[in-house]
Amino acid sequence: MKQTSLLLFLVLFFSCNSENKNPFGFKDKTANSEIMLPSYEGTENEVVEYDDATNENNLAEAEQKIIKNATIRFETNDMSKTRQAVLSLTQKLNGLVQNDYSGKEYNSLTQNLVIRIPTKNFQPFLDGLSKNVTYFDEKTISRQDVTEEFVDLSARLKAKRTLENRYLELLKKAKNVSEILEIEKELAIIREEIEAKQGRLNYLQNRVSFSTVNIEFYKITDVKSASTSYWQKMKNSIKGGWNGVSVFFLGLLYLWPFFLLIGIIIFIVRRILKKKEKLT
């Protein structure tokens, strides 16, 4: 009797533990057994697995993903001609102008262009620029290998999408509102991560597909000396004084009607005063 009671107790105990493994506790109607709900992000119950060995295999088989950038600076004698040559080369190699800026400094004119060029045309573009440039003040080319990050993101994104599909299947089998809300909460977290990883992948793919070339060219302009000799200052002062006198007399000529009117008034006043003296 004691053995039977002990056996029954053990069966009930393990049954209860088995029930607690399922957070929602609902069962698959097609098979008379419980569905194991995948936990989120790397728990022991997660159905979708992601391991480093798989990642290394994918990395060995993956196409290399390289981000290429270049920075170029040089002097030119003709700003307009150089700019048009760069734009023509960009159009010929299916590139686009991302930024176009021109400015003027104390003794130079500058032009900055940011060009996005298809990576397959990156080297031909640099070669085309070099043909008409005698000397580069700066020419920097950088290459960043993002293959590992690209493969890692792709694998994790695939795992997240698989996990999302599992939750969607569980959502169809939910029995009440509380189960639906819990599953949808997990789905929202998974979809947010999917969007973040997909956005990063899209960004990397764009940077890999189109290389960036920062181009700056400039032209030195003539600047007159700011210093002036003492004799030149005297000459300028005499010339300025004479110009001032000329302006003064020219101004007086503009006032001739006013002087004429004053003369007439003086003449009339004097006639009136003379008549008064005679009468007295």
C-alpha atoms as a PDB file:
ATOM      1  CA  MET A   1       0.000   0.000   0.000  1.00  0.00           C
ATOM      2  CA  LYS A   2       2.830   2.361   0.920  1.00  0.00           C
ATOM      3  CA  GLN A   3       4.644   1.582  -2.338  1.00  0.00           C
ATOM      4  CA  THR A   4       1.488   2.312  -4.362  1.00  0.00           C
ATOM      5  CA  SER A   5       0.962   5.644  -2.565  1.00  0.00           C
ATOM      6  CA  LEU A   6       4.598   6.591  -3.135  1.00  0.00           C
ATOM      7  CA  LEU A   7       4.366   5.721  -6.833  1.00  0.00           C
ATOM      8  CA  LEU A   8       1.170   7.779  -7.220  1.00  0.00           C
ATOM      9  CA  PHE A   9       2.804  10.729  -5.455  1.00  0.00           C
ATOM     10  CA  LEU A  10       5.817  10.635  -7.794  1.00  0.00           C
ATOM     11  CA  VAL A  11       3.594  10.513 -10.889  1.00  0.00           C
ATOM     12  CA  LEU A  12       1.600  13.539  -9.699  1.00  0.00           C
ATOM     13  CA  PHE A  13       4.798  15.412  -8.804  1.00  0.00           C
ATOM     14  CA  PHE A  14       6.422  14.960 -12.227  1.00  0.00           C
ATOM     15  CA  SER A  15       3.132  15.756 -13.965  1.00  0.00           C
ATOM     16  CA  CYS A  16       2.957  19.088 -12.147  1.00  0.00           C
ATOM     17  CA  ASN A  17       6.555  19.903 -13.072  1.00  0.00           C
ATOM     18  CA  SER A  18       5.818  19.069 -16.690  1.00  0.00           C
ATOM     19  CA  GLU A  19       2.863  21.474 -16.670  1.00  0.00           C
ATOM     20  CA  ASN A  20       5.005  24.297 -15.271  1.00  0.00           C
ATOM     21  CA  LYS A  21       7.390  24.120 -18.208  1.00  0.00           C
ATOM     22  CA  ASN A  22       4.707  25.622 -20.450  1.00  0.00           C
ATOM     23  CA  PRO A  23       4.141  29.299 -19.545  1.00  0.00           C
ATOM     24  CA  PHE A  24       0.629  29.290 -21.014  1.00  0.00           C
ATOM     25  CA  GLY A  25      -0.322  25.691 -20.288  1.00  0.00           C
ATOM     26  CA  PHE A  26      -2.375  25.013 -23.422  1.00  0.00           C
ATOM     27  CA  LYS A  27      -2.094  21.783 -25.408  1.00  0.00           C
ATOM     28  CA  ASP A  28      -1.915  20.763 -29.039  1.00  0.00           C
ATOM     29  CA  LYS A  29      -5.269  19.281 -29.971  1.00  0.00           C
ATOM     30  CA  THR A  30      -3.873  17.317 -32.911  1.00  0.00           C
ATOM     31  CA  ALA A  31      -1.375  15.466 -30.733  1.00  0.00           C
ATOM     32  CA  ASN A  32      -2.231  14.542 -27.193  1.00  0.00           C
ATOM     33  CA  SER A  33       0.846  16.274 -25.726  1.00  0.00           C
ATOM     34  CA  GLU A  34       1.862  19.750 -24.644  1.00  0.00           C
ATOM     35  CA  ILE A  35       3.444  22.333 -26.965  1.00  0.00           C
ATOM     36  CA  MET A  36       6.740  23.712 -25.680  1.00  0.00           C
ATOM     37  CA  LEU A  37       6.532  27.498 -26.080  1.00  0.00           C
ATOM     38  CA  PRO A  38       9.871  28.992 -27.248  1.00  0.00           C
ATOM     39  CA  SER A  39      11.385  31.333 -24.707  1.00  0.00           C
ATOM     40  CA  TYR A  40      12.824  34.678 -25.834  1.00  0.00           C
ATOM     41  CA  GLU A  41      16.503  35.262 -26.556  1.00  0.00           C
ATOM     42  CA  GLY A  42      18.734  32.402 -25.658  1.00  0.00           C
ATOM     43  CA  THR A  43      17.031  30.435 -22.856  1.00  0.00           C
ATOM     44  CA  GLU A  44      17.353  26.689 -22.576  1.00  0.00           C
ATOM     45  CA  ASN A  45      13.818  26.159 -23.941  1.00  0.00           C
ATOM     46  CA  GLU A  46      14.355  28.200 -27.116  1.00  0.00           C
ATOM     47  CA  VAL A  47      13.522  26.111 -30.150  1.00  0.00           C
ATOM     48  CA  VAL A  48      15.475  28.202 -32.666  1.00  0.00           C
ATOM     49  CA  GLU A  49      19.182  27.743 -32.045  1.00  0.00           C
ATOM     50  CA  TYR A  50      22.059  29.913 -33.198  1.00  0.00           C
ATOM     51  CA  ASP A  51      25.589  28.663 -32.680  1.00  0.00           C
ATOM     52  CA  ASP A  52      29.087  29.844 -33.534  1.00  0.00           C
ATOM     53  CA  ALA A  53      29.872  26.739 -35.583  1.00  0.00           C
ATOM     54  CA  THR A  54      27.025  27.505 -37.982  1.00  0.00           C
ATOM     55  CA  ASN A  55      28.186  31.107 -38.160  1.00  0.00           C
ATOM     56  CA  GLU A  56      31.745  30.055 -39.034  1.00  0.00           C
ATOM     57  CA  ASN A  57      30.502  27.757 -41.801  1.00  0.00           C
ATOM     58  CA  ASN A  58      28.367  30.522 -43.253  1.00  0.00           C
ATOM     59  CA  LEU A  59      31.296  32.934 -43.015  1.00  0.00           C
ATOM     60  CA  ALA A  60      33.559  30.549 -44.946  1.00  0.00           C
ATOM     61  CA  GLU A  61      30.989  30.224 -47.728  1.00  0.00           C
ATOM     62  CA  ALA A  62      29.880  33.893 -47.804  1.00  0.00           C
ATOM     63  CA  GLU A  63      30.832  36.432 -50.413  1.00  0.00           C
ATOM     64  CA  GLN A  64      33.237  39.016 -49.025  1.00  0.00           C
ATOM     65  CA  LYS A  65      31.592  42.309 -48.062  1.00  0.00           C
ATOM     66  CA  ILE A  66      33.977  45.287 -48.265  1.00  0.00           C
ATOM     67  CA  ILE A  67      33.121  48.959 -47.631  1.00  0.00           C
ATOM     68  CA  LYS A  68      35.435  51.196 -49.675  1.00  0.00           C
ATOM     69  CA  ASN A  69      36.030  54.910 -49.038  1.00  0.00           C
ATOM     70  CA  ALA A  70      38.445  57.457 -50.491  1.00  0.00           C
ATOM     71  CA  THR A  71      39.462  61.031 -49.656  1.00  0.00           C
ATOM     72  CA  ILE A  72      41.175  63.100 -52.355  1.00  0.00           C
ATOM     73  CA  ARG A  73      42.490  66.682 -52.334  1.00  0.00           C
ATOM     74  CA  PHE A  74      44.371  68.489 -55.099  1.00  0.00           C
ATOM     75  CA  GLU A  75      45.007  71.889 -56.723  1.00  0.00           C
ATOM     76  CA  THR A  76      43.597  72.937 -60.084  1.00  0.00           C
ATOM     77  CA  ASN A  77      43.972  75.902 -62.429  1.00  0.00           C
ATOM     78  CA  ASP A  78      40.391  75.845 -63.695  1.00  0.00           C
ATOM     79  CA  MET A  79      37.677  75.232 -61.092  1.00  0.00           C
ATOM     80  CA  SER A  80      34.782  75.069 -63.540  1.00  0.00           C
ATOM     81  CA  LYS A  81      36.521  72.697 -65.934  1.00  0.00           C
ATOM     82  CA  THR A  82      37.645  70.367 -63.133  1.00  0.00           C
ATOM     83  CA  ARG A  83      34.164  70.261 -61.587  1.00  0.00           C
ATOM     84  CA  GLN A  84      32.586  69.425 -64.934  1.00  0.00           C
ATOM     85  CA  ALA A  85      35.159  66.677 -65.529  1.00  0.00           C
ATOM     86  CA  VAL A  86      34.367  65.076 -62.149  1.00  0.00           C
ATOM     87  CA  LEU A  87      30.605  65.236 -62.772  1.00  0.00           C
ATOM     88  CA  SER A  88      30.984  63.751 -66.260  1.00  0.00           C
ATOM     89  CA  LEU A  89      33.104  60.883 -64.924  1.00  0.00           C
ATOM     90  CA  THR A  90      30.540  60.281 -62.154  1.00  0.00           C
ATOM     91  CA  GLN A  91      27.687  60.094 -64.637  1.00  0.00           C
ATOM     92  CA  LYS A  92      29.670  57.845 -66.969  1.00  0.00           C
ATOM     93  CA  LEU A  93      30.308  55.320 -64.172  1.00  0.00           C
ATOM     94  CA  ASN A  94      26.687  55.398 -62.886  1.00  0.00           C
ATOM     95  CA  GLY A  95      27.521  57.319 -59.724  1.00  0.00           C
ATOM     96  CA  LEU A  96      25.651  60.111 -57.980  1.00  0.00           C
ATOM     97  CA  VAL A  97      26.536  63.350 -56.228  1.00  0.00           C
ATOM     98  CA  GLN A  98      25.592  63.158 -52.547  1.00  0.00           C
ATOM     99  CA  ASN A  99      26.922  66.591 -51.577  1.00  0.00           C
ATOM    100  CA  ASP A 100      28.162  69.623 -53.522  1.00  0.00           C
ATOM    101  CA  TYR A 101      29.734  72.596 -51.741  1.00  0.00           C
ATOM    102  CA  SER A 102      31.795  75.558 -52.968  1.00  0.00           C
ATOM    103  CA  GLY A 103      33.423  78.303 -50.923  1.00  0.00           C
ATOM    104  CA  LYS A 104      35.985  81.103 -50.891  1.00  0.00           C
ATOM    105  CA  GLU A 105      38.831  81.553 -48.449  1.00  0.00           C
ATOM    106  CA  TYR A 106      41.415  84.339 -48.028  1.00  0.00           C
ATOM    107  CA  ASN A 107      43.521  83.389 -51.010  1.00  0.00           C
ATOM    108  CA  SER A 108      41.761  80.418 -52.591  1.00  0.00           C
ATOM    109  CA  LEU A 109      38.556  79.062 -54.075  1.00  0.00           C
ATOM    110  CA  THR A 110      37.459  75.604 -52.914  1.00  0.00           C
ATOM    111  CA  GLN A 111      35.036  72.955 -54.145  1.00  0.00           C
ATOM    112  CA  ASN A 112      33.922  69.873 -52.175  1.00  0.00           C
ATOM    113  CA  LEU A 113      32.081  66.949 -53.758  1.00  0.00           C
ATOM    114  CA  VAL A 114      30.901  63.752 -52.070  1.00  0.00           C
ATOM    115  CA  ILE A 115      30.435  61.071 -54.721  1.00  0.00           C
ATOM    116  CA  ARG A 116      28.689  57.690 -54.286  1.00  0.00           C
ATOM    117  CA  ILE A 117      29.963  55.316 -56.927  1.00  0.00           C
ATOM    118  CA  PRO A 118      29.088  51.633 -57.534  1.00  0.00           C
ATOM    119  CA  THR A 119      31.802  49.577 -55.854  1.00  0.00           C
ATOM    120  CA  LYS A 120      32.621  47.754 -59.081  1.00  0.00           C
ATOM    121  CA  ASN A 121      33.481  51.165 -60.604  1.00  0.00           C
ATOM    122  CA  PHE A 122      35.429  52.428 -57.578  1.00  0.00           C
ATOM    123  CA  GLN A 123      38.928  51.840 -58.986  1.00  0.00           C
ATOM    124  CA  PRO A 124      38.040  53.016 -62.541  1.00  0.00           C
ATOM    125  CA  PHE A 125      36.683  56.218 -60.988  1.00  0.00           C
ATOM    126  CA  LEU A 126      39.926  56.846 -59.075  1.00  0.00           C
ATOM    127  CA  ASP A 127      41.959  56.090 -62.183  1.00  0.00           C
ATOM    128  CA  GLY A 128      39.859  58.560 -64.180  1.00  0.00           C
ATOM    129  CA  LEU A 129      40.459  61.282 -61.608  1.00  0.00           C
ATOM    130  CA  SER A 130      44.204  60.638 -61.546  1.00  0.00           C
ATOM    131  CA  LYS A 131      44.609  61.209 -65.288  1.00  0.00           C
ATOM    132  CA  ASN A 132      44.231  64.992 -65.056  1.00  0.00           C
ATOM    133  CA  VAL A 133      45.905  65.507 -61.663  1.00  0.00           C
ATOM    134  CA  THR A 134      49.655  66.058 -61.509  1.00  0.00           C
ATOM    135  CA  TYR A 135      49.960  65.883 -57.735  1.00  0.00           C
ATOM    136  CA  PHE A 136      47.586  64.927 -54.916  1.00  0.00           C
ATOM    137  CA  ASP A 137      47.831  66.906 -51.685  1.00  0.00           C
ATOM    138  CA  GLU A 138      45.993  63.971 -50.103  1.00  0.00           C
ATOM    139  CA  LYS A 139      44.859  60.584 -51.380  1.00  0.00           C
ATOM    140  CA  THR A 140      43.546  58.164 -48.778  1.00  0.00           C
ATOM    141  CA  ILE A 141      41.812  54.870 -49.593  1.00  0.00           C
ATOM    142  CA  SER A 142      40.261  52.735 -46.857  1.00  0.00           C
ATOM    143  CA  ARG A 143      38.663  49.289 -46.973  1.00  0.00           C
ATOM    144  CA  GLN A 144      36.509  47.890 -44.162  1.00  0.00           C
ATOM    145  CA  ASP A 145      35.644  44.197 -44.132  1.00  0.00           C
ATOM    146  CA  VAL A 146      32.103  43.741 -42.756  1.00  0.00           C
ATOM    147  CA  THR A 147      31.614  40.161 -43.949  1.00  0.00           C
ATOM    148  CA  GLU A 148      31.512  38.720 -40.439  1.00  0.00           C
ATOM    149  CA  GLU A 149      28.958  41.252 -39.224  1.00  0.00           C
ATOM    150  CA  PHE A 150      26.884  40.735 -42.364  1.00  0.00           C
ATOM    151  CA  VAL A 151      26.815  36.944 -41.943  1.00  0.00           C
ATOM    152  CA  ASP A 152      26.127  37.204 -38.219  1.00  0.00           C
ATOM    153  CA  LEU A 153      23.196  39.575 -38.763  1.00  0.00           C
ATOM    154  CA  SER A 154      21.788  37.408 -41.555  1.00  0.00           C
ATOM    155  CA  ALA A 155      21.893  34.277 -39.383  1.00  0.00           C
ATOM    156  CA  ARG A 156      20.336  36.019 -36.395  1.00  0.00           C
ATOM    157  CA  LEU A 157      17.664  37.557 -38.593  1.00  0.00           C
ATOM    158  CA  LYS A 158      16.811  34.129 -40.001  1.00  0.00           C
ATOM    159  CA  ALA A 159      16.570  32.697 -36.486  1.00  0.00           C
ATOM    160  CA  LYS A 160      14.317  35.543 -35.362  1.00  0.00           C
ATOM    161  CA  ARG A 161      11.995  35.049 -38.326  1.00  0.00           C
ATOM    162  CA  THR A 162      11.755  31.332 -37.550  1.00  0.00           C
ATOM    163  CA  LEU A 163      10.976  32.160 -33.943  1.00  0.00           C
ATOM    164  CA  GLU A 164       8.339  34.627 -35.079  1.00  0.00           C
ATOM    165  CA  ASN A 165       6.634  31.921 -37.143  1.00  0.00           C
ATOM    166  CA  ARG A 166       6.592  29.588 -34.126  1.00  0.00           C
ATOM    167  CA  TYR A 167       4.873  32.241 -32.032  1.00  0.00           C
ATOM    168  CA  LEU A 168       2.357  32.830 -34.803  1.00  0.00           C
ATOM    169  CA  GLU A 169       1.501  29.143 -34.752  1.00  0.00           C
ATOM    170  CA  LEU A 170       1.042  29.298 -30.992  1.00  0.00           C
ATOM    171  CA  LEU A 171      -1.137  32.377 -31.385  1.00  0.00           C
ATOM    172  CA  LYS A 172      -3.568  30.371 -33.520  1.00  0.00           C
ATOM    173  CA  LYS A 173      -3.924  27.841 -30.692  1.00  0.00           C
ATOM    174  CA  ALA A 174      -4.398  30.351 -27.871  1.00  0.00           C
ATOM    175  CA  LYS A 175      -7.557  29.712 -25.862  1.00  0.00           C
ATOM    176  CA  ASN A 176      -8.153  32.997 -24.057  1.00  0.00           C
ATOM    177  CA  VAL A 177      -7.347  36.701 -24.095  1.00  0.00           C
ATOM    178  CA  SER A 178      -4.530  36.502 -21.561  1.00  0.00           C
ATOM    179  CA  GLU A 179      -2.679  33.891 -23.674  1.00  0.00           C
ATOM    180  CA  ILE A 180      -3.166  36.032 -26.792  1.00  0.00           C
ATOM    181  CA  LEU A 181      -1.827  39.139 -25.054  1.00  0.00           C
ATOM    182  CA  GLU A 182       1.246  37.317 -23.731  1.00  0.00           C
ATOM    183  CA  ILE A 183       2.117  35.872 -27.136  1.00  0.00           C
ATOM    184  CA  GLU A 184       1.546  39.207 -28.901  1.00  0.00           C
ATOM    185  CA  LYS A 185       3.828  40.894 -26.378  1.00  0.00           C
ATOM    186  CA  GLU A 186       6.619  38.467 -27.263  1.00  0.00           C
ATOM    187  CA  LEU A 187       5.887  38.906 -30.972  1.00  0.00           C
ATOM    188  CA  ALA A 188       6.216  42.684 -30.654  1.00  0.00           C
ATOM    189  CA  ILE A 189       9.679  42.301 -29.093  1.00  0.00           C
ATOM    190  CA  ILE A 190      10.792  39.849 -31.771  1.00  0.00           C
ATOM    191  CA  ARG A 191       9.493  42.035 -34.622  1.00  0.00           C
ATOM    192  CA  GLU A 192      11.270  45.067 -33.200  1.00  0.00           C
ATOM    193  CA  GLU A 193      14.552  43.168 -33.246  1.00  0.00           C
ATOM    194  CA  ILE A 194      13.838  41.898 -36.751  1.00  0.00           C
ATOM    195  CA  GLU A 195      13.337  45.476 -37.978  1.00  0.00           C
ATOM    196  CA  ALA A 196      16.540  46.648 -36.269  1.00  0.00           C
ATOM    197  CA  LYS A 197      18.627  43.834 -37.750  1.00  0.00           C
ATOM    198  CA  GLN A 198      17.046  44.258 -41.184  1.00  0.00           C
ATOM    199  CA  GLY A 199      17.751  48.001 -41.073  1.00  0.00           C
ATOM    200  CA  ARG A 200      21.389  47.385 -40.193  1.00  0.00           C
ATOM    201  CA  LEU A 201      21.684  44.815 -42.984  1.00  0.00           C
ATOM    202  CA  ASN A 202      20.196  47.267 -45.495  1.00  0.00           C
ATOM    203  CA  TYR A 203      22.639  49.955 -44.366  1.00  0.00           C
ATOM    204  CA  LEU A 204      25.637  47.638 -44.706  1.00  0.00           C
ATOM    205  CA  GLN A 205      24.483  46.436 -48.109  1.00  0.00           C
ATOM    206  CA  ASN A 206      24.138  50.022 -49.326  1.00  0.00           C
ATOM    207  CA  ARG A 207      27.611  50.923 -48.067  1.00  0.00           C
ATOM    208  CA  VAL A 208      29.049  47.804 -49.693  1.00  0.00           C
ATOM    209  CA  SER A 209      27.257  48.351 -53.012  1.00  0.00           C
ATOM    210  CA  PHE A 210      28.175  52.048 -53.278  1.00  0.00           C
ATOM    211  CA  SER A 211      31.601  53.383 -52.320  1.00  0.00           C
ATOM    212  CA  THR A 212      32.057  56.949 -51.037  1.00  0.00           C
ATOM    213  CA  VAL A 213      34.643  59.328 -52.494  1.00  0.00           C
ATOM    214  CA  ASN A 214      35.249  62.711 -50.824  1.00  0.00           C
ATOM    215  CA  ILE A 215      36.822  65.106 -53.331  1.00  0.00           C
ATOM    216  CA  GLU A 216      38.221  68.558 -52.576  1.00  0.00           C
ATOM    217  CA  PHE A 217      39.971  70.703 -55.161  1.00  0.00           C
ATOM    218  CA  TYR A 218      41.052  74.339 -54.925  1.00  0.00           C
ATOM    219  CA  LYS A 219      42.587  77.225 -56.841  1.00  0.00           C
ATOM    220  CA  ILE A 220      45.020  79.779 -55.382  1.00  0.00           C
ATOM    221  CA  THR A 221      43.965  83.370 -56.132  1.00  0.00           C
ATOM    222  CA  ASP A 222      46.184  86.510 -56.297  1.00  0.00           C
ATOM    223  CA  VAL A 223      46.045  88.733 -53.219  1.00  0.00           C
ATOM    224  CA  LYS A 224      47.240  92.371 -53.289  1.00  0.00           C
ATOM    225  CA  SER A 225      49.618  93.441 -50.561  1.00  0.00           C
ATOM    226  CA  ALA A 226      47.834  95.029 -47.629  1.00  0.00           C
ATOM    227  CA  SER A 227      50.808  97.277 -46.760  1.00  0.00           C
ATOM    228  CA  THR A 228      51.141 100.738 -48.411  1.00  0.00           C
ATOM    229  CA  SER A 229      54.274 102.913 -48.477  1.00  0.00           C
ATOM    230  CA  TYR A 230      54.434 106.316 -46.724  1.00  0.00           C
ATOM    231  CA  TRP A 231      54.772 108.245 -50.017  1.00  0.00           C
ATOM    232  CA  GLN A 232      51.831 106.400 -51.448  1.00  0.00           C
ATOM    233  CA  LYS A 233      49.796 107.453 -48.396  1.00  0.00           C
ATOM    234  CA  MET A 234      50.821 111.124 -48.954  1.00  0.00           C
ATOM    235  CA  LYS A 235      49.857 110.893 -52.594  1.00  0.00           C
ATOM    236  CA  ASN A 236      46.510 109.410 -51.687  1.00  0.00           C
ATOM    237  CA  SER A 237      45.932 112.171 -49.087  1.00  0.00           C
ATOM    238  CA  ILE A 238      46.698 115.005 -51.583  1.00  0.00           C
ATOM    239  CA  LYS A 239      44.486 113.393 -54.155  1.00  0.00           C
ATOM    240  CA  GLY A 240      41.737 112.933 -51.589  1.00  0.00           C
ATOM    241  CA  GLY A 241      42.017 116.596 -50.455  1.00  0.00           C
ATOM    242  CA  TRP A 242      41.777 117.915 -54.000  1.00  0.00           C
ATOM    243  CA  ASN A 243      38.776 115.693 -54.616  1.00  0.00           C
ATOM    244  CA  GLY A 244      37.196 117.124 -51.447  1.00  0.00           C
ATOM    245  CA  VAL A 245      37.681 120.743 -52.642  1.00  0.00           C
ATOM    246  CA  SER A 246      36.268 119.872 -56.039  1.00  0.00           C
ATOM    247  CA  VAL A 247      33.238 118.303 -54.437  1.00  0.00           C
ATOM    248  CA  PHE A 248      32.769 121.426 -52.245  1.00  0.00           C
ATOM    249  CA  PHE A 249      32.744 123.835 -55.208  1.00  0.00           C
ATOM    250  CA  LEU A 250      30.512 121.561 -57.206  1.00  0.00           C
ATOM    251  CA  GLY A 251      28.131 121.597 -54.253  1.00  0.00           C
ATOM    252  CA  LEU A 252      28.126 125.414 -54.250  1.00  0.00           C
ATOM    253  CA  LEU A 253      27.175 125.417 -57.916  1.00  0.00           C
ATOM    254  CA  TYR A 254      24.138 123.322 -57.074  1.00  0.00           C
ATOM    255  CA  LEU A 255      23.064 126.131 -54.646  1.00  0.00           C
ATOM    256  CA  TRP A 256      23.089 129.021 -57.178  1.00  0.00           C
ATOM    257  CA  PRO A 257      19.284 129.543 -57.033  1.00  0.00           C
ATOM    258  CA  PHE A 258      19.532 130.005 -53.278  1.00  0.00           C
ATOM    259  CA  PHE A 259      22.307 132.630 -53.593  1.00  0.00           C
ATOM    260  CA  LEU A 260      20.328 134.468 -56.314  1.00  0.00           C
ATOM    261  CA  LEU A 261      17.286 134.622 -54.049  1.00  0.00           C
ATOM    262  CA  ILE A 262      19.364 136.007 -51.167  1.00  0.00           C
ATOM    263  CA  GLY A 263      20.823 138.681 -53.482  1.00  0.00           C
ATOM    264  CA  ILE A 264      17.343 139.799 -54.582  1.00  0.00           C
ATOM    265  CA  ILE A 265      16.154 140.011 -50.984  1.00  0.00           C
ATOM    266  CA  ILE A 266      19.205 142.098 -49.979  1.00  0.00           C
ATOM    267  CA  PHE A 267      18.654 144.443 -52.952  1.00  0.00           C
ATOM    268  CA  ILE A 268      14.980 145.007 -52.041  1.00  0.00           C
ATOM    269  CA  VAL A 269      15.789 145.621 -48.353  1.00  0.00           C
ATOM    270  CA  ARG A 270      18.439 148.175 -49.254  1.00  0.00           C
ATOM    271  CA  ARG A 271      16.027 150.072 -51.579  1.00  0.00           C
ATOM    272  CA  ILE A 272      13.421 150.219 -48.822  1.00  0.00           C
ATOM    273  CA  LEU A 273      15.976 151.528 -46.320  1.00  0.00           C
ATOM    274  CA  LYS A 274      17.164 154.247 -48.755  1.00  0.00           C
ATOM    275  CA  LYS A 275      13.571 155.483 -49.321  1.00  0.00           C
ATOM    276  CA  LYS A 276      13.034 155.726 -45.569  1.00  0.00           C
ATOM    277  CA  GLU A 277      16.231 157.816 -45.199  1.00  0.00           C
ATOM    278  CA  LYS A 278      15.036 160.285 -47.888  1.00  0.00           C
ATOM    279  CA  LEU A 279      11.666 160.731 -46.244  1.00  0.00           C
ATOM    280  CA  THR A 280      13.256 161.553 -42.915  1.00  0.00           C
END
